């Protein structure tokens, strides 16, 4: 059998946005529904970053009848001046170059969900067409693209007194299995984002069948988030527990933390973790720190106040989280996400920030709110007792099974 040759001519170099179109799953997770919706989220994340930087208070998402989407914000607008090293306007570079953006240093963004600088360029690469309008410096600019390539130059099309960025795009059916936007998925994500960004108003308009409008705004931030989660449930205690904290480490270990929580009478745990407004579905260092500190702090309080007797077993994690609705939100200057789709936070030092803050601030809340504290502990003790009773039943059934005579089956 002849050996296949392998030489320099077999090496392929992909230029520009070619890698994205060749391997879209590497950048958006899949070419199914999840990846399709990720396109909207990437553009929205950039608008929310403007809000986190204090430069925007409104984001609009519009679903058009042809399944194209417009995302509009009233932020400062993507810069339009020419980058000398690229010879192109900054907005063109941001939309056509991977790893180009304002999130790799400098003072443009202190915290950011759009971390990798690939988001909007990936959306451009995977769209049949994309149009961008920028309102900045008293001028309105416009540029058009097709499958990641500019089809026009950046043009000044008029004066304006406003600022902001508008991106309209149509996902490419050469890439995606189908173009079917889920209003339910978008509503959930945009509602979460509004809860996590105090003072930001987000509007979703669905023009596909008539015009349906959803508006999200949360003056109370993540407190309102917890109240929303518990809206159809019976709270165990009156007050939503809320506290925050921050670390002043070196530039790579600067972070802020917010926690809100309230127990309800259900048996379901509803704990949501976020990093720079990104829902970290797989958790990570912030969630691990929260769970460890929660269990430790409630056990310490219960022991000190005689709610757990000396002979009693400690409460376990599943006991203290039964019926818990909680939101853990961290904002970091240098987040480390696992993968472009950002489902797990990796920064090891964040665990320490969360643990220390929860240990101190939750203990303070319990001491200052004795009635709430007793109700919380009693809920956890009831969960522990049910767990122990269920274990005894299982152990009894196992013993009975081992001691019963075994019936032999014979075949003839």
Protein backbone atom coordinates (compact mmCIF):
# COMPACT_ATOMS: atom_id res chain seq x y z
CA UNK A 1 0.00 0.00 0.00
CA UNK A 2 1.53 3.29 -1.09
CA UNK A 3 1.97 5.95 1.60
CA UNK A 4 0.06 9.20 1.03
CA UNK A 5 2.38 12.16 0.70
CA UNK A 6 2.17 15.00 3.22
CA UNK A 7 4.06 18.15 2.25
CA UNK A 8 3.86 21.92 2.57
CA UNK A 9 1.32 22.10 -0.25
CA UNK A 10 -1.15 20.18 1.97
CA UNK A 11 -1.19 22.98 4.57
CA UNK A 12 -4.22 25.30 4.32
CA UNK A 13 -4.22 28.77 5.86
CA UNK A 14 -7.69 30.19 6.46
CA UNK A 15 -7.83 33.98 6.20
CA UNK A 16 -10.16 36.52 7.79
CA UNK A 17 -13.48 35.04 8.81
CA UNK A 18 -13.10 31.84 6.77
CA UNK A 19 -12.50 29.69 9.90
CA UNK A 20 -15.87 30.78 11.30
CA UNK A 21 -17.82 29.70 8.24
CA UNK A 22 -15.87 26.45 7.97
CA UNK A 23 -16.25 25.48 11.67
CA UNK A 24 -19.15 27.56 13.05
CA UNK A 25 -19.70 25.19 15.98
CA UNK A 26 -16.35 26.23 17.47
CA UNK A 27 -17.66 29.79 17.84
CA UNK A 28 -21.38 29.52 18.56
CA UNK A 29 -21.76 25.96 19.88
CA UNK A 30 -23.94 24.53 17.10
CA UNK A 31 -25.72 25.35 13.85
CA UNK A 32 -29.07 24.43 15.38
CA UNK A 33 -31.43 26.55 17.45
CA UNK A 34 -28.92 27.17 20.25
CA UNK A 35 -26.28 28.54 17.89
CA UNK A 36 -28.85 30.59 15.98
CA UNK A 37 -30.00 32.38 19.13
CA UNK A 38 -26.40 32.83 20.19
CA UNK A 39 -26.05 35.31 17.31
CA UNK A 40 -28.59 37.65 18.91
CA UNK A 41 -27.03 37.21 22.33
CA UNK A 42 -23.56 38.13 21.03
CA UNK A 43 -24.86 41.43 19.63
CA UNK A 44 -26.98 42.14 22.71
CA UNK A 45 -23.98 41.42 24.97
CA UNK A 46 -22.06 44.20 23.26
CA UNK A 47 -24.95 46.63 23.81
CA UNK A 48 -25.20 45.58 27.46
CA UNK A 49 -21.46 46.18 27.83
CA UNK A 50 -22.18 49.80 26.91
CA UNK A 51 -24.73 49.89 29.73
CA UNK A 52 -22.26 48.33 32.18
CA UNK A 53 -19.82 51.08 31.19
CA UNK A 54 -22.48 53.69 31.97
CA UNK A 55 -22.96 54.80 28.37
CA UNK A 56 -26.36 53.28 27.52
CA UNK A 57 -29.74 52.76 29.19
CA UNK A 58 -31.80 51.28 26.32
CA UNK A 59 -31.45 48.18 24.12
CA UNK A 60 -34.05 47.22 21.52
CA UNK A 61 -34.31 43.85 19.78
CA UNK A 62 -36.64 43.64 16.77
CA UNK A 63 -37.60 40.40 14.98
CA UNK A 64 -38.62 41.21 11.39
CA UNK A 65 -41.06 39.19 9.22
CA UNK A 66 -38.19 37.94 6.98
CA UNK A 67 -36.42 36.56 10.14
CA UNK A 68 -33.78 39.27 10.07
CA UNK A 69 -33.04 40.89 13.43
CA UNK A 70 -32.22 44.43 14.53
CA UNK A 71 -30.36 45.16 17.77
CA UNK A 72 -30.19 48.86 18.64
CA UNK A 73 -28.65 50.67 21.62
CA UNK A 74 -28.14 54.28 22.65
CA UNK A 75 -24.53 53.81 23.70
CA UNK A 76 -21.54 55.75 22.46
CA UNK A 77 -21.44 54.02 19.06
CA UNK A 78 -18.63 51.84 17.68
CA UNK A 79 -15.68 54.11 16.80
CA UNK A 80 -15.59 55.11 13.14
CA UNK A 81 -12.15 56.72 12.87
CA UNK A 82 -9.48 54.97 10.81
CA UNK A 83 -7.10 52.57 12.58
CA UNK A 84 -3.67 53.44 11.22
CA UNK A 85 -2.24 49.93 11.49
CA UNK A 86 -5.25 48.46 9.61
CA UNK A 87 -5.97 51.30 7.20
CA UNK A 88 -9.69 50.78 7.87
CA UNK A 89 -12.36 52.41 10.05
CA UNK A 90 -12.56 50.81 13.49
CA UNK A 91 -16.17 49.69 12.94
CA UNK A 92 -15.10 47.80 9.79
CA UNK A 93 -12.26 46.12 11.64
CA UNK A 94 -14.53 45.11 14.53
CA UNK A 95 -16.97 43.51 12.09
CA UNK A 96 -14.44 41.72 9.87
CA UNK A 97 -11.51 40.71 12.10
CA UNK A 98 -11.51 38.04 14.79
CA UNK A 99 -10.22 39.22 18.17
CA UNK A 100 -10.70 42.90 17.39
CA UNK A 101 -12.55 44.99 19.96
CA UNK A 102 -12.34 47.27 22.95
CA UNK A 103 -12.04 44.50 25.56
CA UNK A 104 -8.37 43.55 25.46
CA UNK A 105 -7.01 46.42 27.54
CA UNK A 106 -7.35 50.17 27.80
CA UNK A 107 -10.18 51.96 29.50
CA UNK A 108 -13.07 51.30 27.08
CA UNK A 109 -14.68 48.60 29.24
CA UNK A 110 -14.04 47.81 32.90
CA UNK A 111 -16.20 44.70 32.70
CA UNK A 112 -17.62 42.98 29.67
CA UNK A 113 -19.69 39.98 28.65
CA UNK A 114 -18.37 40.13 25.10
CA UNK A 115 -14.96 38.97 26.26
CA UNK A 116 -13.24 37.42 23.29
CA UNK A 117 -13.66 40.19 20.71
CA UNK A 118 -15.01 37.63 18.24
CA UNK A 119 -18.76 38.03 18.86
CA UNK A 120 -19.95 40.58 16.34
CA UNK A 121 -17.46 39.50 13.68
CA UNK A 122 -18.76 35.92 14.04
CA UNK A 123 -22.33 37.18 13.64
CA UNK A 124 -21.21 38.99 10.47
CA UNK A 125 -19.46 35.90 9.11
CA UNK A 126 -22.52 33.70 9.66
CA UNK A 127 -25.06 36.15 8.21
CA UNK A 128 -26.24 36.27 4.61
CA UNK A 129 -26.10 40.04 5.07
CA UNK A 130 -25.48 42.52 7.86
CA UNK A 131 -25.95 46.28 8.01
CA UNK A 132 -24.46 48.52 10.68
CA UNK A 133 -25.42 52.09 11.51
CA UNK A 134 -23.41 54.17 13.96
CA UNK A 135 -24.49 57.48 15.46
CA UNK A 136 -21.43 59.25 16.75
CA UNK A 137 -19.76 62.66 16.78
CA UNK A 138 -22.86 64.31 15.30
CA UNK A 139 -22.84 62.03 12.24
CA UNK A 140 -24.76 58.95 11.08
CA UNK A 141 -22.57 56.29 9.41
CA UNK A 142 -23.64 53.17 7.54
CA UNK A 143 -21.89 50.10 6.08
CA UNK A 144 -23.14 46.85 4.53
CA UNK A 145 -21.67 43.35 4.49
CA UNK A 146 -22.44 39.94 2.98
CA UNK A 147 -21.16 36.72 4.61
CA UNK A 148 -18.54 38.71 6.51
CA UNK A 149 -17.21 40.71 3.55
CA UNK A 150 -17.85 44.47 3.10
CA UNK A 151 -20.08 45.25 0.12
CA UNK A 152 -19.86 49.02 0.68
CA UNK A 153 -17.41 51.36 2.32
CA UNK A 154 -18.32 53.08 5.57
CA UNK A 155 -20.33 56.11 4.46
CA UNK A 156 -21.55 59.22 6.25
CA UNK A 157 -25.27 59.33 5.45
CA UNK A 158 -26.44 62.28 7.51
CA UNK A 159 -26.24 64.37 10.66
CA UNK A 160 -27.62 63.25 14.04
CA UNK A 161 -27.83 64.51 17.58
CA UNK A 162 -28.01 60.98 18.99
CA UNK A 163 -25.43 58.29 19.72
CA UNK A 164 -25.59 54.51 19.48
CA UNK A 165 -25.17 51.45 17.31
CA UNK A 166 -27.77 49.59 15.24
CA UNK A 167 -26.95 46.18 13.74
CA UNK A 168 -29.41 44.37 11.47
CA UNK A 169 -28.59 40.90 10.15
CA UNK A 170 -30.10 37.86 8.46
CA UNK A 171 -28.55 34.52 9.49
CA UNK A 172 -27.24 32.49 6.56
CA UNK A 173 -29.29 29.41 5.60
CA UNK A 174 -26.11 27.96 4.12
CA UNK A 175 -24.92 27.67 7.74
CA UNK A 176 -28.01 27.13 9.89
CA UNK A 177 -30.45 24.24 9.83
CA UNK A 178 -33.41 26.62 10.03
CA UNK A 179 -34.28 30.25 10.83
CA UNK A 180 -36.89 29.99 13.58
CA UNK A 181 -36.55 32.47 16.44
CA UNK A 182 -38.07 31.37 19.74
CA UNK A 183 -39.80 34.25 21.48
CA UNK A 184 -39.74 32.22 24.71
CA UNK A 185 -35.94 31.79 24.61
CA UNK A 186 -35.40 35.47 23.85
CA UNK A 187 -37.82 36.67 26.53
CA UNK A 188 -36.08 34.56 29.18
CA UNK A 189 -32.60 35.77 28.27
CA UNK A 190 -33.55 39.43 27.91
CA UNK A 191 -35.52 39.42 31.16
CA UNK A 192 -32.49 37.94 32.96
CA UNK A 193 -30.25 40.58 31.43
CA UNK A 194 -32.50 43.41 32.61
CA UNK A 195 -32.55 42.00 36.16
CA UNK A 196 -28.75 41.86 36.13
CA UNK A 197 -28.23 45.37 34.76
CA UNK A 198 -29.93 47.81 37.07
CA UNK A 199 -31.28 50.82 35.20
CA UNK A 200 -31.21 49.21 31.74
CA UNK A 201 -34.45 49.04 29.77
CA UNK A 202 -34.66 46.22 27.20
CA UNK A 203 -37.43 46.07 24.62
CA UNK A 204 -38.25 43.05 22.44
CA UNK A 205 -40.54 43.65 19.46
CA UNK A 206 -41.75 40.67 17.40
CA UNK A 207 -43.04 41.85 14.00
CA UNK A 208 -43.45 38.36 12.51
CA UNK A 209 -47.18 38.10 13.24
CA UNK A 210 -48.59 41.53 13.90
CA UNK A 211 -46.48 43.28 16.53
CA UNK A 212 -45.90 41.87 20.00
CA UNK A 213 -43.92 43.95 22.47
CA UNK A 214 -42.14 42.94 25.68
CA UNK A 215 -40.38 45.43 27.94
CA UNK A 216 -38.00 44.56 30.76
CA UNK A 217 -36.74 46.91 33.46
CA UNK A 218 -35.75 46.10 37.05
CA UNK A 219 -35.19 49.01 39.41
CA UNK A 220 -34.32 46.57 42.20
CA UNK A 221 -31.87 44.53 40.14
CA UNK A 222 -31.33 40.97 41.30
CA UNK A 223 -33.63 41.46 44.30
CA UNK A 224 -36.43 41.74 41.75
CA UNK A 225 -35.01 38.65 40.01
CA UNK A 226 -35.45 36.55 43.17
CA UNK A 227 -38.93 37.97 43.76
CA UNK A 228 -39.82 37.02 40.17
CA UNK A 229 -38.55 33.44 40.65
CA UNK A 230 -40.60 33.16 43.85
CA UNK A 231 -43.63 34.89 42.32
CA UNK A 232 -45.78 31.73 42.19
CA UNK A 233 -44.37 30.23 45.41
CA UNK A 234 -44.77 30.81 49.14
CA UNK A 235 -41.70 32.44 50.73
CA UNK A 236 -40.47 30.88 53.96
CA UNK A 237 -39.28 34.24 55.34
CA UNK A 238 -40.22 37.87 54.73
CA UNK A 239 -37.05 39.58 53.53
CA UNK A 240 -35.07 38.91 50.36
CA UNK A 241 -31.48 38.49 51.54
CA UNK A 242 -29.22 40.85 49.57
CA UNK A 243 -25.58 41.81 49.91
CA UNK A 244 -22.60 42.72 47.81
CA UNK A 245 -18.84 42.75 48.03
CA UNK A 246 -15.70 43.55 46.07
CA UNK A 247 -12.01 42.80 45.95
CA UNK A 248 -9.24 45.27 45.28
CA UNK A 249 -6.57 42.86 44.10
CA UNK A 250 -4.22 43.40 41.19
CA UNK A 251 -5.62 44.25 37.76
CA UNK A 252 -6.41 40.61 36.97
CA UNK A 253 -8.18 39.99 40.28
CA UNK A 254 -10.60 42.90 40.48
CA UNK A 255 -14.19 41.84 40.91
CA UNK A 256 -17.58 42.75 42.32
CA UNK A 257 -20.19 40.39 43.73
CA UNK A 258 -23.95 40.64 44.26
CA UNK A 259 -26.05 37.95 45.92
CA UNK A 260 -29.82 37.86 46.44
CA UNK A 261 -31.76 34.91 47.86
CA UNK A 262 -34.97 33.84 49.52
CA UNK A 263 -36.24 30.40 50.51
CA UNK A 264 -39.71 29.14 49.59
CA UNK A 265 -41.80 26.20 50.76
CA UNK A 266 -41.12 24.10 47.65
CA UNK A 267 -38.54 21.33 47.39
CA UNK A 268 -36.94 22.80 44.25
CA UNK A 269 -33.56 24.52 44.21
CA UNK A 270 -33.45 27.51 41.81
CA UNK A 271 -29.91 28.90 41.94
CA UNK A 272 -28.70 31.03 39.02
CA UNK A 273 -25.10 32.14 38.56
CA UNK A 274 -23.83 34.86 36.25
CA UNK A 275 -20.49 36.36 35.31
CA UNK A 276 -20.53 39.74 33.56
CA UNK A 277 -24.24 39.13 32.90
CA UNK A 278 -23.53 35.82 31.14
CA UNK A 279 -25.60 32.93 32.49
CA UNK A 280 -22.98 30.37 33.55
CA UNK A 281 -25.24 27.32 33.24
CA UNK A 282 -22.44 24.99 34.32
CA UNK A 283 -21.51 27.11 37.32
CA UNK A 284 -17.85 27.50 38.12
CA UNK A 285 -15.75 29.09 40.85
CA UNK A 286 -18.38 31.63 41.92
CA UNK A 287 -21.09 28.99 42.38
CA UNK A 288 -18.72 26.61 44.21
CA UNK A 289 -17.76 29.37 46.64
CA UNK A 290 -21.40 30.28 47.24
CA UNK A 291 -22.48 26.71 47.99
CA UNK A 292 -19.58 26.05 50.38
CA UNK A 293 -20.09 29.29 52.30
CA UNK A 294 -23.88 28.90 52.48
CA UNK A 295 -23.66 25.47 54.09
CA UNK A 296 -20.91 26.51 56.51
CA UNK A 297 -22.60 29.76 57.59
CA UNK A 298 -26.02 28.22 58.22
CA UNK A 299 -24.50 25.37 60.24
CA UNK A 300 -22.44 27.82 62.31
CA UNK A 301 -25.48 29.97 63.05
CA UNK A 302 -27.66 26.96 63.89
CA UNK A 303 -25.02 25.60 66.32
CA UNK A 304 -24.41 28.94 68.04
CA UNK A 305 -28.11 29.55 68.56
CA UNK A 306 -29.07 26.06 69.70
CA UNK A 307 -31.16 25.24 66.63
CA UNK A 308 -28.87 22.26 66.05
CA UNK A 309 -28.14 20.22 69.16
CA UNK A 310 -24.77 18.67 69.90
CA UNK A 311 -25.96 15.19 68.87
CA UNK A 312 -27.53 16.43 65.63
CA UNK A 313 -25.85 15.88 62.30
CA UNK A 314 -24.72 18.95 60.38
CA UNK A 315 -26.93 20.23 57.61
CA UNK A 316 -25.68 19.18 54.17
CA UNK A 317 -25.63 21.25 51.00
CA UNK A 318 -28.80 19.71 49.61
CA UNK A 319 -30.58 20.46 52.90
CA UNK A 320 -29.76 24.17 52.98
CA UNK A 321 -30.53 24.66 49.27
CA UNK A 322 -33.94 22.95 49.26
CA UNK A 323 -36.50 25.58 48.25
CA UNK A 324 -33.81 28.21 47.72
CA UNK A 325 -34.17 30.85 45.01
CA UNK A 326 -30.84 32.63 44.61
CA UNK A 327 -28.91 34.75 42.14
CA UNK A 328 -25.12 35.06 42.27
CA UNK A 329 -23.74 37.74 39.96
CA UNK A 330 -20.06 38.59 39.62
CA UNK A 331 -18.53 41.34 37.49
CA UNK A 332 -14.87 40.81 36.61
CA UNK A 333 -12.28 42.77 34.70
CA UNK A 334 -10.57 39.63 33.40
CA UNK A 335 -13.07 36.73 33.39
CA UNK A 336 -11.93 33.28 32.28
CA UNK A 337 -14.77 31.42 30.60
CA UNK A 338 -14.57 27.85 29.41
CA UNK A 339 -15.31 28.06 25.69
CA UNK A 340 -16.69 30.86 23.52
CA UNK A 341 -20.24 30.03 24.58
CA UNK A 342 -19.30 30.90 28.20
CA UNK A 343 -21.13 28.36 30.31
CA UNK A 344 -18.62 27.98 33.18
CA UNK A 345 -16.44 30.49 35.04
CA UNK A 346 -12.88 29.41 35.70
CA UNK A 347 -11.16 32.21 37.71
CA UNK A 348 -9.92 30.40 40.86
CA UNK A 349 -9.68 33.56 43.01
CA UNK A 350 -13.40 34.29 42.55
CA UNK A 351 -14.25 31.38 44.83
CA UNK A 352 -12.40 33.13 47.68
CA UNK A 353 -14.18 36.44 47.04
CA UNK A 354 -17.59 34.75 47.10
CA UNK A 355 -16.88 32.53 50.11
CA UNK A 356 -15.53 35.36 52.23
CA UNK A 357 -18.37 37.74 51.32
CA UNK A 358 -21.13 35.18 51.91
CA UNK A 359 -19.57 34.04 55.21
CA UNK A 360 -19.51 37.59 56.58
CA UNK A 361 -22.59 39.19 55.03
CA UNK A 362 -24.98 36.25 55.43
CA UNK A 363 -23.92 35.84 59.07
CA UNK A 364 -24.69 39.54 59.60
CA UNK A 365 -28.13 39.15 58.03
CA UNK A 366 -28.96 36.14 60.22
CA UNK A 367 -27.88 37.96 63.40
CA UNK A 368 -29.89 41.06 62.49
CA UNK A 369 -33.02 39.17 61.39
CA UNK A 370 -33.57 36.49 64.02
CA UNK A 371 -37.11 35.58 62.89
CA UNK A 372 -36.05 35.12 59.27
CA UNK A 373 -32.98 33.18 60.39
CA UNK A 374 -35.03 30.73 62.47
CA UNK A 375 -37.43 30.13 59.57
CA UNK A 376 -34.52 29.50 57.18
CA UNK A 377 -32.80 27.06 59.56
CA UNK A 378 -36.05 25.22 60.34
CA UNK A 379 -36.66 24.76 56.60
CA UNK A 380 -33.18 23.21 56.23
CA UNK A 381 -33.65 21.00 59.30
CA UNK A 382 -36.94 19.71 57.88
CA UNK A 383 -35.14 18.88 54.64
CA UNK A 384 -32.39 17.07 56.59
CA UNK A 385 -34.95 15.08 58.59
CA UNK A 386 -36.74 14.02 55.40
CA UNK A 387 -33.42 13.01 53.84
CA UNK A 388 -32.47 10.93 56.90
CA UNK A 389 -35.89 9.27 57.01
CA UNK A 390 -35.67 8.37 53.33
CA UNK A 391 -32.21 6.92 53.89
CA UNK A 392 -33.48 4.75 56.77
CA UNK A 393 -36.28 3.42 54.56
CA UNK A 394 -33.79 2.55 51.80
CA UNK A 395 -31.45 0.86 54.28
CA UNK A 396 -34.34 -1.16 55.74
CA UNK A 397 -35.44 -2.30 52.29
CA UNK A 398 -31.89 -3.37 51.40
CA UNK A 399 -31.57 -5.41 54.63
CA UNK A 400 -34.93 -7.05 54.04
CA UNK A 401 -33.95 -7.88 50.48
CA UNK A 402 -30.65 -9.50 51.57
CA UNK A 403 -32.30 -11.59 54.31
CA UNK A 404 -35.18 -12.93 52.17
CA UNK A 405 -34.73 -16.37 50.59
CA UNK A 406 -33.55 -16.35 47.00
CA UNK A 407 -35.74 -18.18 44.54
CA UNK A 408 -33.86 -20.28 42.04
CA UNK A 409 -35.21 -20.60 38.56
CA UNK A 410 -34.60 -23.73 36.63
CA UNK A 411 -34.89 -24.42 32.96
CA UNK A 412 -35.76 -27.75 31.60
